[in-house]
C-alpha atoms as a PDB file:
ATOM      1  CA  UNK A   1     -95.631 -45.696 154.547  1.00  0.00           C
ATOM      2  CA  UNK A   2     -93.928 -42.288 154.778  1.00  0.00           C
ATOM      3  CA  UNK A   3     -92.064 -43.425 157.890  1.00  0.00           C
ATOM      4  CA  UNK A   4     -90.904 -46.568 156.120  1.00  0.00           C
ATOM      5  CA  UNK A   5     -89.694 -44.551 153.120  1.00  0.00           C
ATOM      6  CA  UNK A   6     -87.710 -42.169 155.322  1.00  0.00           C
ATOM      7  CA  UNK A   7     -86.173 -44.994 157.333  1.00  0.00           C
ATOM      8  CA  UNK A   8     -85.363 -46.911 154.152  1.00  0.00           C
ATOM      9  CA  UNK A   9     -83.595 -43.864 152.681  1.00  0.00           C
ATOM     10  CA  UNK A  10     -81.529 -43.372 155.851  1.00  0.00           C
ATOM     11  CA  UNK A  11     -80.673 -47.067 155.936  1.00  0.00           C
ATOM     12  CA  UNK A  12     -79.570 -47.104 152.288  1.00  0.00           C
ATOM     13  CA  UNK A  13     -77.415 -43.988 152.802  1.00  0.00           C
ATOM     14  CA  UNK A  14     -75.765 -45.604 155.823  1.00  0.00           C
ATOM     15  CA  UNK A  15     -75.134 -48.840 153.915  1.00  0.00           C
ATOM     16  CA  UNK A  16     -73.569 -46.899 151.042  1.00  0.00           C
ATOM     17  CA  UNK A  17     -71.385 -45.099 153.572  1.00  0.00           C
ATOM     18  CA  UNK A  18     -70.132 -48.430 154.889  1.00  0.00           C
ATOM     19  CA  UNK A  19     -69.016 -49.417 151.399  1.00  0.00           C
ATOM     20  CA  UNK A  20     -67.850 -46.100 149.962  1.00  0.00           C
ATOM     21  CA  UNK A  21     -66.177 -44.256 152.850  1.00  0.00           C
ATOM     22  CA  UNK A  22     -62.393 -44.550 152.783  1.00  0.00           C
ATOM     23  CA  UNK A  23     -61.646 -44.196 156.498  1.00  0.00           C
ATOM     24  CA  UNK A  24     -62.404 -47.395 158.476  1.00  0.00           C
ATOM     25  CA  UNK A  25     -63.686 -45.408 161.473  1.00  0.00           C
ATOM     26  CA  UNK A  26     -66.163 -43.505 159.293  1.00  0.00           C
ATOM     27  CA  UNK A  27     -67.353 -46.747 157.678  1.00  0.00           C
ATOM     28  CA  UNK A  28     -67.869 -48.345 161.103  1.00  0.00           C
ATOM     29  CA  UNK A  29     -69.855 -45.330 162.321  1.00  0.00           C
ATOM     30  CA  UNK A  30     -72.014 -45.515 159.185  1.00  0.00           C
ATOM     31  CA  UNK A  31     -72.646 -49.163 160.026  1.00  0.00           C
ATOM     32  CA  UNK A  32     -73.721 -48.126 163.540  1.00  0.00           C
ATOM     33  CA  UNK A  33     -76.238 -45.705 161.997  1.00  0.00           C
ATOM     34  CA  UNK A  34     -77.569 -48.434 159.725  1.00  0.00           C
ATOM     35  CA  UNK A  35     -78.010 -50.842 162.642  1.00  0.00           C
ATOM     36  CA  UNK A  36     -79.830 -48.187 164.680  1.00  0.00           C
ATOM     37  CA  UNK A  37     -82.143 -47.534 161.736  1.00  0.00           C
ATOM     38  CA  UNK A  38     -82.881 -51.248 161.604  1.00  0.00           C
ATOM     39  CA  UNK A  39     -83.820 -51.094 165.280  1.00  0.00           C
ATOM     40  CA  UNK A  40     -86.311 -48.332 164.472  1.00  0.00           C
ATOM     41  CA  UNK A  41     -87.759 -50.627 161.764  1.00  0.00           C
ATOM     42  CA  UNK A  42     -88.394 -53.221 164.472  1.00  0.00           C
ATOM     43  CA  UNK A  43     -90.104 -50.609 166.651  1.00  0.00           C
ATOM     44  CA  UNK A  44     -92.485 -49.703 163.820  1.00  0.00           C
ATOM     45  CA  UNK A  45     -93.368 -53.418 163.557  1.00  0.00           C
ATOM     46  CA  UNK A  46     -94.160 -53.531 167.300  1.00  0.00           C
ATOM     47  CA  UNK A  47     -91.202 -55.878 167.885  1.00  0.00           C
ATOM     48  CA  UNK A  48     -89.747 -53.982 170.834  1.00  0.00           C
ATOM     49  CA  UNK A  49     -87.675 -56.852 172.144  1.00  0.00           C
ATOM     50  CA  UNK A  50     -85.930 -57.259 168.802  1.00  0.00           C
ATOM     51  CA  UNK A  51     -85.302 -53.505 168.670  1.00  0.00           C
ATOM     52  CA  UNK A  52     -83.716 -53.573 172.125  1.00  0.00           C
ATOM     53  CA  UNK A  53     -81.536 -56.551 171.215  1.00  0.00           C
ATOM     54  CA  UNK A  54     -80.528 -54.822 167.980  1.00  0.00           C
ATOM     55  CA  UNK A  55     -79.327 -51.766 169.900  1.00  0.00           C
ATOM     56  CA  UNK A  56     -77.708 -53.612 172.808  1.00  0.00           C
ATOM     57  CA  UNK A  57     -75.979 -56.425 170.914  1.00  0.00           C
ATOM     58  CA  UNK A  58     -75.225 -55.100 167.438  1.00  0.00           C
ATOM     59  CA  UNK A  59     -75.092 -51.300 167.666  1.00  0.00           C
ATOM     60  CA  UNK A  60     -73.646 -51.578 171.171  1.00  0.00           C
ATOM     61  CA  UNK A  61     -71.379 -54.497 171.948  1.00  0.00           C
ATOM     62  CA  UNK A  62     -70.290 -55.740 168.515  1.00  0.00           C
ATOM     63  CA  UNK A  63     -69.723 -52.297 166.998  1.00  0.00           C
ATOM     64  CA  UNK A  64     -67.792 -51.142 170.066  1.00  0.00           C
ATOM     65  CA  UNK A  65     -65.590 -54.209 169.598  1.00  0.00           C
ATOM     66  CA  UNK A  66     -65.094 -53.367 165.908  1.00  0.00           C
ATOM     67  CA  UNK A  67     -64.202 -49.753 166.697  1.00  0.00           C
ATOM     68  CA  UNK A  68     -61.809 -50.878 169.426  1.00  0.00           C
ATOM     69  CA  UNK A  69     -60.015 -53.254 167.057  1.00  0.00           C
ATOM     70  CA  UNK A  70     -59.820 -50.627 164.298  1.00  0.00           C
ATOM     71  CA  UNK A  71     -58.350 -48.007 166.637  1.00  0.00           C
ATOM     72  CA  UNK A  72     -56.034 -50.522 168.318  1.00  0.00           C
ATOM     73  CA  UNK A  73     -54.569 -51.703 165.017  1.00  0.00           C
ATOM     74  CA  UNK A  74     -54.338 -48.151 163.620  1.00  0.00           C
ATOM     75  CA  UNK A  75     -55.750 -49.162 160.240  1.00  0.00           C
ATOM     76  CA  UNK A  76     -54.772 -46.721 157.555  1.00  0.00           C
ATOM     77  CA  UNK A  77     -56.266 -46.177 154.122  1.00  0.00           C
ATOM     78  CA  UNK A  78     -55.310 -49.044 151.871  1.00  0.00           C
ATOM     79  CA  UNK A  79     -54.595 -48.637 148.175  1.00  0.00           C
ATOM     80  CA  UNK A  80     -54.975 -51.210 145.440  1.00  0.00           C
ATOM     81  CA  UNK A  81     -51.257 -50.979 144.626  1.00  0.00           C
ATOM     82  CA  UNK A  82     -50.119 -53.518 142.070  1.00  0.00           C
ATOM     83  CA  UNK A  83     -53.618 -54.986 141.564  1.00  0.00           C
ATOM     84  CA  UNK A  84     -55.919 -52.210 140.324  1.00  0.00           C
ATOM     85  CA  UNK A  85     -58.126 -54.764 138.566  1.00  0.00           C
ATOM     86  CA  UNK A  86     -59.518 -55.790 141.961  1.00  0.00           C
ATOM     87  CA  UNK A  87     -61.351 -52.471 142.245  1.00  0.00           C
ATOM     88  CA  UNK A  88     -63.067 -52.950 138.880  1.00  0.00           C
ATOM     89  CA  UNK A  89     -63.899 -56.545 139.793  1.00  0.00           C
ATOM     90  CA  UNK A  90     -65.518 -55.321 143.014  1.00  0.00           C
ATOM     91  CA  UNK A  91     -67.511 -52.718 141.067  1.00  0.00           C
ATOM     92  CA  UNK A  92     -68.727 -55.400 138.659  1.00  0.00           C
ATOM     93  CA  UNK A  93     -69.770 -57.745 141.463  1.00  0.00           C
ATOM     94  CA  UNK A  94     -71.596 -54.872 143.184  1.00  0.00           C
ATOM     95  CA  UNK A  95     -73.492 -53.957 140.019  1.00  0.00           C
ATOM     96  CA  UNK A  96     -74.455 -57.595 139.429  1.00  0.00           C
ATOM     97  CA  UNK A  97     -75.646 -57.961 143.029  1.00  0.00           C
ATOM     98  CA  UNK A  98     -77.722 -54.769 142.808  1.00  0.00           C
ATOM     99  CA  UNK A  99     -79.236 -55.904 139.497  1.00  0.00           C
ATOM    100  CA  UNK A 100     -80.096 -59.295 141.010  1.00  0.00           C
ATOM    101  CA  UNK A 101     -81.817 -57.643 143.976  1.00  0.00           C
ATOM    102  CA  UNK A 102     -83.834 -55.341 141.728  1.00  0.00           C
ATOM    103  CA  UNK A 103     -84.870 -58.158 139.393  1.00  0.00           C
ATOM    104  CA  UNK A 104     -85.786 -60.372 142.343  1.00  0.00           C
ATOM    105  CA  UNK A 105     -87.871 -57.624 143.942  1.00  0.00           C
ATOM    106  CA  UNK A 106     -89.717 -56.745 140.728  1.00  0.00           C
ATOM    107  CA  UNK A 107     -90.246 -60.332 139.606  1.00  0.00           C
ATOM    108  CA  UNK A 108     -91.991 -61.349 142.848  1.00  0.00           C
ATOM    109  CA  UNK A 109     -95.733 -60.770 142.323  1.00  0.00           C
ATOM    110  CA  UNK A 110     -96.570 -60.908 146.041  1.00  0.00           C
ATOM    111  CA  UNK A 111     -97.600 -57.689 147.751  1.00  0.00           C
ATOM    112  CA  UNK A 112     -96.646 -56.407 151.183  1.00  0.00           C
ATOM    113  CA  UNK A 113     -98.389 -58.589 153.813  1.00  0.00           C
ATOM    114  CA  UNK A 114    -101.174 -57.208 155.917  1.00  0.00           C
ATOM    115  CA  UNK A 115     -99.920 -55.458 159.101  1.00  0.00           C
ATOM    116  CA  UNK A 116    -102.112 -57.686 161.255  1.00  0.00           C
ATOM    117  CA  UNK A 117    -100.482 -60.748 159.672  1.00  0.00           C
ATOM    118  CA  UNK A 118     -97.002 -59.330 160.326  1.00  0.00           C
ATOM    119  CA  UNK A 119     -97.861 -58.613 163.970  1.00  0.00           C
ATOM    120  CA  UNK A 120     -99.239 -62.122 164.370  1.00  0.00           C
ATOM    121  CA  UNK A 121     -96.056 -63.605 162.908  1.00  0.00           C
ATOM    122  CA  UNK A 122     -93.788 -61.501 165.113  1.00  0.00           C
ATOM    123  CA  UNK A 123     -96.058 -61.808 168.175  1.00  0.00           C
ATOM    124  CA  UNK A 124     -94.598 -58.616 169.581  1.00  0.00           C
ATOM    125  CA  UNK A 125     -91.043 -59.956 169.547  1.00  0.00           C
ATOM    126  CA  UNK A 126     -91.726 -62.434 172.338  1.00  0.00           C
ATOM    127  CA  UNK A 127     -88.428 -63.331 174.044  1.00  0.00           C
ATOM    128  CA  UNK A 128     -89.494 -66.895 174.832  1.00  0.00           C
ATOM    129  CA  UNK A 129     -90.488 -67.702 171.263  1.00  0.00           C
ATOM    130  CA  UNK A 130     -87.311 -66.120 169.872  1.00  0.00           C
ATOM    131  CA  UNK A 131     -85.162 -68.100 172.315  1.00  0.00           C
ATOM    132  CA  UNK A 132     -86.965 -71.327 171.443  1.00  0.00           C
ATOM    133  CA  UNK A 133     -86.457 -70.815 167.712  1.00  0.00           C
ATOM    134  CA  UNK A 134     -82.863 -69.593 168.077  1.00  0.00           C
ATOM    135  CA  UNK A 135     -81.555 -72.145 170.559  1.00  0.00           C
ATOM    136  CA  UNK A 136     -83.592 -75.175 169.444  1.00  0.00           C
ATOM    137  CA  UNK A 137     -84.354 -74.999 165.729  1.00  0.00           C
ATOM    138  CA  UNK A 138     -81.315 -72.962 164.624  1.00  0.00           C
ATOM    139  CA  UNK A 139     -78.755 -73.874 167.276  1.00  0.00           C
ATOM    140  CA  UNK A 140     -76.141 -75.036 164.758  1.00  0.00           C
ATOM    141  CA  UNK A 141     -76.531 -71.897 162.645  1.00  0.00           C
ATOM    142  CA  UNK A 142     -76.226 -69.743 165.788  1.00  0.00           C
ATOM    143  CA  UNK A 143     -72.942 -71.438 166.746  1.00  0.00           C
ATOM    144  CA  UNK A 144     -71.610 -71.182 163.190  1.00  0.00           C
ATOM    145  CA  UNK A 145     -72.272 -67.436 163.175  1.00  0.00           C
ATOM    146  CA  UNK A 146     -70.168 -67.120 166.347  1.00  0.00           C
ATOM    147  CA  UNK A 147     -67.323 -69.091 164.733  1.00  0.00           C
ATOM    148  CA  UNK A 148     -67.611 -66.925 161.605  1.00  0.00           C
ATOM    149  CA  UNK A 149     -67.337 -63.700 163.624  1.00  0.00           C
ATOM    150  CA  UNK A 150     -64.310 -65.030 165.514  1.00  0.00           C
ATOM    151  CA  UNK A 151     -62.618 -66.123 162.279  1.00  0.00           C
ATOM    152  CA  UNK A 152     -63.261 -62.728 160.706  1.00  0.00           C
ATOM    153  CA  UNK A 153     -61.739 -60.960 163.708  1.00  0.00           C
ATOM    154  CA  UNK A 154     -58.618 -63.148 163.698  1.00  0.00           C
ATOM    155  CA  UNK A 155     -58.271 -62.683 159.930  1.00  0.00           C
ATOM    156  CA  UNK A 156     -58.556 -58.905 160.233  1.00  0.00           C
ATOM    157  CA  UNK A 157     -55.849 -58.819 162.903  1.00  0.00           C
ATOM    158  CA  UNK A 158     -53.573 -61.075 160.809  1.00  0.00           C
ATOM    159  CA  UNK A 159     -54.040 -58.988 157.657  1.00  0.00           C
ATOM    160  CA  UNK A 160     -53.410 -55.634 159.297  1.00  0.00           C
ATOM    161  CA  UNK A 161     -50.322 -56.533 161.329  1.00  0.00           C
ATOM    162  CA  UNK A 162     -47.158 -55.010 159.919  1.00  0.00           C
ATOM    163  CA  UNK A 163     -43.557 -56.045 160.634  1.00  0.00           C
ATOM    164  CA  UNK A 164     -42.045 -53.839 163.320  1.00  0.00           C
ATOM    165  CA  UNK A 165     -38.705 -52.130 162.591  1.00  0.00           C
ATOM    166  CA  UNK A 166     -35.866 -53.385 164.815  1.00  0.00           C
ATOM    167  CA  UNK A 167     -35.156 -51.214 167.828  1.00  0.00           C
ATOM    168  CA  UNK A 168     -31.764 -49.668 168.552  1.00  0.00           C
ATOM    169  CA  UNK A 169     -30.986 -52.227 171.256  1.00  0.00           C
ATOM    170  CA  UNK A 170     -31.961 -55.215 169.120  1.00  0.00           C
ATOM    171  CA  UNK A 171     -29.196 -54.969 166.519  1.00  0.00           C
ATOM    172  CA  UNK A 172     -27.777 -58.397 165.857  1.00  0.00           C
ATOM    173  CA  UNK A 173     -24.148 -59.363 166.281  1.00  0.00           C
ATOM    174  CA  UNK A 174     -23.801 -59.845 162.523  1.00  0.00           C
ATOM    175  CA  UNK A 175     -24.934 -56.257 161.881  1.00  0.00           C
ATOM    176  CA  UNK A 176     -22.439 -54.928 164.442  1.00  0.00           C
ATOM    177  CA  UNK A 177     -19.646 -56.974 162.893  1.00  0.00           C
ATOM    178  CA  UNK A 178     -20.550 -55.718 159.416  1.00  0.00           C
ATOM    179  CA  UNK A 179     -20.502 -52.126 160.687  1.00  0.00           C
ATOM    180  CA  UNK A 180     -17.055 -52.623 162.257  1.00  0.00           C
ATOM    181  CA  UNK A 181     -15.663 -54.085 159.040  1.00  0.00           C
ATOM    182  CA  UNK A 182     -17.027 -51.161 157.048  1.00  0.00           C
ATOM    183  CA  UNK A 183     -15.462 -48.617 159.415  1.00  0.00           C
ATOM    184  CA  UNK A 184     -12.088 -50.417 159.322  1.00  0.00           C
ATOM    185  CA  UNK A 185     -11.978 -50.131 155.556  1.00  0.00           C
ATOM    186  CA  UNK A 186     -12.427 -46.347 155.550  1.00  0.00           C
ATOM    187  CA  UNK A 187      -9.283 -44.163 155.428  1.00  0.00           C
ATOM    188  CA  UNK A 188      -8.882 -42.056 158.558  1.00  0.00           C
ATOM    189  CA  UNK A 189     -10.798 -44.460 160.779  1.00  0.00           C
ATOM    190  CA  UNK A 190      -9.265 -45.114 164.248  1.00  0.00           C
ATOM    191  CA  UNK A 191      -8.306 -48.674 163.345  1.00  0.00           C
ATOM    192  CA  UNK A 192      -6.511 -47.583 160.151  1.00  0.00           C
ATOM    193  CA  UNK A 193      -4.680 -44.715 161.899  1.00  0.00           C
ATOM    194  CA  UNK A 194      -3.589 -47.032 164.709  1.00  0.00           C
ATOM    195  CA  UNK A 195      -2.305 -49.611 162.223  1.00  0.00           C
ATOM    196  CA  UNK A 196      -0.371 -46.902 160.308  1.00  0.00           C
ATOM    197  CA  UNK A 197       1.193 -45.549 163.500  1.00  0.00           C
ATOM    198  CA  UNK A 198       2.564 -48.934 164.373  1.00  0.00           C
END
């Protein structure tokens, strides 16, 4: 029970870091810590296969992809700007969600299941049973999760992209013509002096 309490505290701190840290890199690293703590939870439940998958797939591959995208897009700290009410709305939704979790946890009269029952349900994290459940019973949900992750990645890239300033060699003909007209109208410009000399 002491181990569970320590792991739960570390997991909650990491989850709060994901939400509260301002730098995207720091938030992603806090998420990595939370996922690793979840893997340790699986180890304590004797589900070693699930712990390995948690580290390899989530804390490894997916989080490396997230960090790569964040660093590639050079995401800076975003401010609320003209819509400060969004921050207060997010705070309200967070408080309501936390209250719902607490009420749901306290209202459930069931106790923690017996460890032997939990081990029997997990069956040591058997890879064959997990594959059968995942790719037979929940195949549609598994595919929808993949589509959801892809959509989230495309949406993040679309939201973060900023318009690039035009380079020096990409000035349009209209801009050059407007610059020439402006210079011709100034006294002392070469065009004006040449016209006066004639």
